[in-house]
Amino acid sequence: MSFHWTTFAFQLVNVVVLLAILQRFLFRPLADVIARRQAQTAAAVQAADAARAQAETAARQAQAETQATLDARQQLLAAAQADAQAQRDELLTQARAEAARIVAGGQALAEQDAAARERRTWDHARTLAAGIATRALGAQPTAPEGYAQRLADALQSMPGPERQALLAGGHLRLVAPRPLSDDQWQATRQALAPWLADALPAPVTDPALIAGLELCSDTGAVRNSLAHDLERIAKAMRHDTGTD
């Protein structure tokens, strides 16, 4: 095989020309396209990164705003609850104060009413006592011997069988509030002589009679004393006034 330098040189020139053509019309435009595509890709990536960063910033801002809104809502709710609790406490305090005032007023009225009732009761009791004493004392004899005559009048007014049963009953006794003087004893014997003559028993004392003379036996009694008059008049006055 023979080597021809002319052919080699021609082929070398062809290769150089081809490479120059390829460089001028293929490699450089392709490199420009690749460079533009890389630039576009880099710009798209950069824009995407910027958009992602903006989106993240917007998300953070939205989250911050949402949290701020929640915090503000919580603060409003807390303030509203505190205000409602304060109003409730104030109303409760006012209600308690009003209840205490009403109770105090009721107690004062009750005390006044009780005091008024007590005064009326005492006034009524004094009036009743004064009336009883006045009526009872007005019916008493002016002299101690008068009780003997009242006892005799009571015996005289009794029905015969009732008087006979009294006088014939066992344990007949004459009762006086205190020992009788000689004059009183004589006046009593004289007043009762029509029924008892010399059979009149010696008097026994009972201070509860206050004043008067009573004749008692196992079958009955003739009440003739201030204590009995007071009891009888008091019962009648209580019945008249409706307090019995």
Protein backbone atom coordinates (compact mmCIF):
# COMPACT_ATOMS: atom_id res chain seq x y z
CA MET A 1 0.00 0.00 0.00
CA SER A 2 1.47 3.30 -1.03
CA PHE A 3 1.14 6.54 0.97
CA HIS A 4 0.37 9.69 -0.94
CA TRP A 5 1.11 12.90 0.87
CA THR A 6 -1.04 14.85 -1.50
CA THR A 7 -4.06 12.78 -0.74
CA PHE A 8 -3.27 12.93 2.96
CA ALA A 9 -2.91 16.69 2.80
CA PHE A 10 -6.11 16.98 0.80
CA GLN A 11 -7.94 14.77 3.30
CA LEU A 12 -6.50 16.75 6.20
CA VAL A 13 -7.67 19.95 4.61
CA ASN A 14 -11.09 18.43 4.12
CA VAL A 15 -11.21 17.40 7.79
CA VAL A 16 -10.15 20.89 8.91
CA VAL A 17 -12.70 22.51 6.61
CA LEU A 18 -15.35 20.09 7.85
CA LEU A 19 -14.45 20.80 11.45
CA ALA A 20 -14.55 24.54 10.75
CA ILE A 21 -17.95 24.16 9.09
CA LEU A 22 -19.21 22.02 11.93
CA GLN A 23 -17.82 24.48 14.45
CA ARG A 24 -19.39 27.37 12.61
CA PHE A 25 -22.74 25.91 11.77
CA LEU A 26 -23.27 23.04 14.22
CA PHE A 27 -21.19 23.12 17.36
CA ARG A 28 -21.48 26.86 18.04
CA PRO A 29 -25.27 27.09 17.43
CA LEU A 30 -25.70 23.88 19.44
CA ALA A 31 -23.58 25.33 22.24
CA ASP A 32 -25.62 28.53 22.04
CA VAL A 33 -28.85 26.52 22.20
CA ILE A 34 -27.50 24.51 25.13
CA ALA A 35 -26.33 27.69 26.85
CA ARG A 36 -29.72 29.31 26.26
CA ARG A 37 -31.47 26.19 27.50
CA GLN A 38 -29.22 26.13 30.56
CA ALA A 39 -29.88 29.83 31.13
CA GLN A 40 -33.60 29.27 30.73
CA THR A 41 -33.45 26.27 33.02
CA ALA A 42 -31.43 28.22 35.56
CA ALA A 43 -33.87 31.14 35.25
CA ALA A 44 -36.81 28.75 35.67
CA VAL A 45 -35.15 27.12 38.66
CA GLN A 46 -34.37 30.54 40.09
CA ALA A 47 -37.94 31.69 39.44
CA ALA A 48 -39.23 28.48 41.00
CA ASP A 49 -36.97 29.00 44.00
CA ALA A 50 -38.15 32.61 44.27
CA ALA A 51 -41.76 31.51 43.93
CA ARG A 52 -41.25 28.79 46.53
CA ALA A 53 -39.54 31.27 48.84
CA GLN A 54 -42.37 33.76 48.25
CA ALA A 55 -44.93 31.03 48.85
CA GLU A 56 -43.15 29.98 52.04
CA THR A 57 -42.99 33.61 53.13
CA ALA A 58 -46.68 34.04 52.32
CA ALA A 59 -47.47 30.81 54.19
CA ARG A 60 -45.48 31.98 57.18
CA GLN A 61 -47.22 35.34 57.05
CA ALA A 62 -50.60 33.64 56.72
CA GLN A 63 -49.75 31.33 59.62
CA ALA A 64 -48.56 34.29 61.66
CA GLU A 65 -51.72 36.22 60.80
CA THR A 66 -53.85 33.17 61.65
CA GLN A 67 -52.03 32.74 64.96
CA ALA A 68 -52.40 36.47 65.62
CA THR A 69 -56.11 36.17 64.83
CA LEU A 70 -56.40 33.18 67.16
CA ASP A 71 -54.46 35.01 69.86
CA ALA A 72 -56.66 38.08 69.43
CA ARG A 73 -59.78 35.87 69.54
CA GLN A 74 -58.52 34.17 72.69
CA GLN A 75 -57.78 37.55 74.23
CA LEU A 76 -61.26 38.79 73.29
CA LEU A 77 -62.84 35.64 74.71
CA ALA A 78 -60.77 35.93 77.89
CA ALA A 79 -61.69 39.61 78.22
CA ALA A 80 -65.36 38.81 77.60
CA GLN A 81 -65.26 36.01 80.16
CA ALA A 82 -63.51 38.23 82.67
CA ASP A 83 -66.06 41.00 82.07
CA ALA A 84 -68.95 38.53 82.37
CA GLN A 85 -67.47 37.12 85.57
CA ALA A 86 -67.00 40.62 86.94
CA GLN A 87 -70.60 41.52 86.09
CA ARG A 88 -71.79 38.24 87.63
CA ASP A 89 -69.78 38.90 90.79
CA GLU A 90 -71.13 42.44 90.93
CA LEU A 91 -74.71 41.24 90.44
CA LEU A 92 -74.18 38.52 93.04
CA THR A 93 -72.77 41.06 95.48
CA GLN A 94 -75.70 43.38 94.83
CA ALA A 95 -78.15 40.48 95.22
CA ARG A 96 -76.55 39.45 98.50
CA ALA A 97 -76.58 43.02 99.74
CA GLU A 98 -80.24 43.39 98.72
CA ALA A 99 -81.10 40.07 100.37
CA ALA A 100 -79.27 41.14 103.53
CA ARG A 101 -81.12 44.45 103.46
CA ILE A 102 -84.46 42.70 103.01
CA VAL A 103 -83.66 40.24 105.80
CA ALA A 104 -82.52 43.05 108.07
CA GLY A 105 -85.65 45.02 107.23
CA GLY A 106 -87.79 41.96 107.84
CA GLN A 107 -86.07 41.32 111.15
CA ALA A 108 -86.53 44.95 112.13
CA LEU A 109 -90.21 44.81 111.17
CA ALA A 110 -90.58 41.50 112.98
CA GLU A 111 -88.92 42.96 116.07
CA GLN A 112 -91.12 46.04 115.86
CA ASP A 113 -94.19 43.87 115.37
CA ALA A 114 -93.16 41.60 118.23
CA ALA A 115 -92.51 44.62 120.44
CA ALA A 116 -95.88 46.10 119.44
CA ARG A 117 -97.62 42.78 120.15
CA GLU A 118 -95.83 42.54 123.47
CA ARG A 119 -96.87 46.10 124.35
CA ARG A 120 -100.47 45.32 123.34
CA THR A 121 -100.34 42.12 125.38
CA TRP A 122 -99.02 43.92 128.41
CA ASP A 123 -101.51 46.75 127.95
CA HIS A 124 -104.33 44.23 127.65
CA ALA A 125 -103.02 42.32 130.66
CA ARG A 126 -102.79 45.51 132.73
CA THR A 127 -106.26 46.56 131.62
CA LEU A 128 -107.65 43.12 132.37
CA ALA A 129 -105.89 42.98 135.74
CA ALA A 130 -107.08 46.45 136.64
CA GLY A 131 -110.65 45.53 135.66
CA ILE A 132 -110.51 42.28 137.60
CA ALA A 133 -109.09 43.97 140.67
CA THR A 134 -111.60 46.81 140.44
CA ARG A 135 -114.59 44.51 140.11
CA ALA A 136 -113.32 42.05 142.72
CA LEU A 137 -112.44 44.70 145.30
CA GLY A 138 -115.68 46.53 144.64
CA ALA A 139 -117.60 43.40 145.60
CA GLN A 140 -115.75 42.91 148.89
CA PRO A 141 -117.31 43.86 152.26
CA THR A 142 -116.17 47.11 153.84
CA ALA A 143 -115.44 45.37 157.18
CA PRO A 144 -113.88 41.95 157.89
CA GLU A 145 -117.09 40.85 159.63
CA GLY A 146 -118.90 41.34 156.35
CA TYR A 147 -117.47 38.06 154.99
CA ALA A 148 -119.39 36.20 157.72
CA GLN A 149 -122.63 37.83 156.55
CA ARG A 150 -121.83 37.02 152.90
CA LEU A 151 -121.25 33.40 153.88
CA ALA A 152 -124.58 33.35 155.70
CA ASP A 153 -126.34 34.91 152.68
CA ALA A 154 -124.76 32.26 150.41
CA LEU A 155 -126.05 29.49 152.68
CA GLN A 156 -129.47 31.12 152.78
CA SER A 157 -129.66 31.25 148.98
CA MET A 158 -128.71 27.60 148.52
CA PRO A 159 -131.48 25.04 147.88
CA GLY A 160 -132.42 23.18 151.07
CA PRO A 161 -131.25 19.70 150.02
CA GLU A 162 -127.94 21.06 148.74
CA ARG A 163 -127.38 23.05 151.93
CA GLN A 164 -128.30 20.04 154.05
CA ALA A 165 -125.87 17.83 152.10
CA LEU A 166 -123.08 20.35 152.60
CA LEU A 167 -123.65 20.72 156.32
CA ALA A 168 -124.09 17.00 156.87
CA GLY A 169 -121.00 16.07 154.87
CA GLY A 170 -117.96 14.81 156.65
CA HIS A 171 -115.00 16.93 157.64
CA LEU A 172 -116.96 20.19 157.80
CA ARG A 173 -114.50 23.03 158.13
CA LEU A 174 -114.45 26.83 158.16
CA VAL A 175 -111.53 28.22 156.18
CA ALA A 176 -110.04 31.71 156.69
CA PRO A 177 -106.93 33.32 155.20
CA ARG A 178 -105.57 34.08 158.68
CA PRO A 179 -106.59 33.45 162.28
CA LEU A 180 -109.82 35.26 163.23
CA SER A 181 -109.93 37.83 165.99
CA ASP A 182 -112.41 37.33 168.81
CA ASP A 183 -114.81 39.86 167.31
CA GLN A 184 -114.60 38.20 163.89
CA TRP A 185 -115.17 34.78 165.41
CA GLN A 186 -118.18 35.97 167.34
CA ALA A 187 -119.62 37.70 164.25
CA THR A 188 -119.12 34.52 162.25
CA ARG A 189 -120.78 32.31 164.84
CA GLN A 190 -123.70 34.70 165.09
CA ALA A 191 -124.14 34.88 161.28
CA LEU A 192 -124.09 31.09 160.88
CA ALA A 193 -126.10 30.28 164.03
CA PRO A 194 -129.37 29.54 162.15
CA TRP A 195 -127.73 26.52 160.52
CA LEU A 196 -124.85 25.49 162.73
CA ALA A 197 -125.54 26.99 166.19
CA ASP A 198 -122.83 25.63 168.49
CA ALA A 199 -121.63 23.03 165.94
CA LEU A 200 -119.50 25.54 164.01
CA PRO A 201 -115.98 24.11 163.71
CA ALA A 202 -112.89 26.15 164.61
CA PRO A 203 -111.51 27.88 161.55
CA VAL A 204 -108.47 26.59 159.67
CA THR A 205 -106.20 28.98 157.75
CA ASP A 206 -105.38 29.04 154.04
CA PRO A 207 -103.48 32.19 152.95
CA ALA A 208 -104.41 31.46 149.33
CA LEU A 209 -107.91 32.84 150.04
CA ILE A 210 -106.37 36.33 150.43
CA ALA A 211 -109.54 37.52 152.21
CA GLY A 212 -112.92 35.99 153.08
CA LEU A 213 -114.47 32.92 154.72
CA GLU A 214 -115.36 29.60 153.09
CA LEU A 215 -117.32 26.64 154.38
CA CYS A 216 -116.24 23.24 153.03
CA SER A 217 -117.05 19.60 153.57
CA ASP A 218 -116.58 16.33 151.76
CA THR A 219 -119.80 16.93 149.79
CA GLY A 220 -119.35 20.53 148.70
CA ALA A 221 -118.18 24.04 149.50
CA VAL A 222 -119.41 27.62 149.71
CA ARG A 223 -116.81 29.82 148.02
CA ASN A 224 -116.66 33.20 149.72
CA SER A 225 -113.15 34.67 149.27
CA LEU A 226 -111.28 37.33 147.35
CA ALA A 227 -109.26 34.65 145.55
CA HIS A 228 -112.45 32.98 144.32
CA ASP A 229 -113.92 36.33 143.24
CA LEU A 230 -110.74 37.18 141.34
CA GLU A 231 -110.76 33.82 139.57
CA ARG A 232 -114.45 34.07 138.70
CA ILE A 233 -114.20 37.67 137.45
CA ALA A 234 -111.02 36.93 135.46
CA LYS A 235 -112.72 34.01 133.72
CA ALA A 236 -115.75 36.13 132.93
CA MET A 237 -113.62 39.00 131.57
CA ARG A 238 -111.49 36.65 129.45
CA HIS A 239 -114.68 35.17 128.04
CA ASP A 240 -116.06 38.65 127.30
CA THR A 241 -112.87 39.75 125.53
CA GLY A 242 -112.45 36.49 123.66
CA THR A 243 -109.08 35.64 125.24
CA ASP A 244 -110.18 32.59 127.18
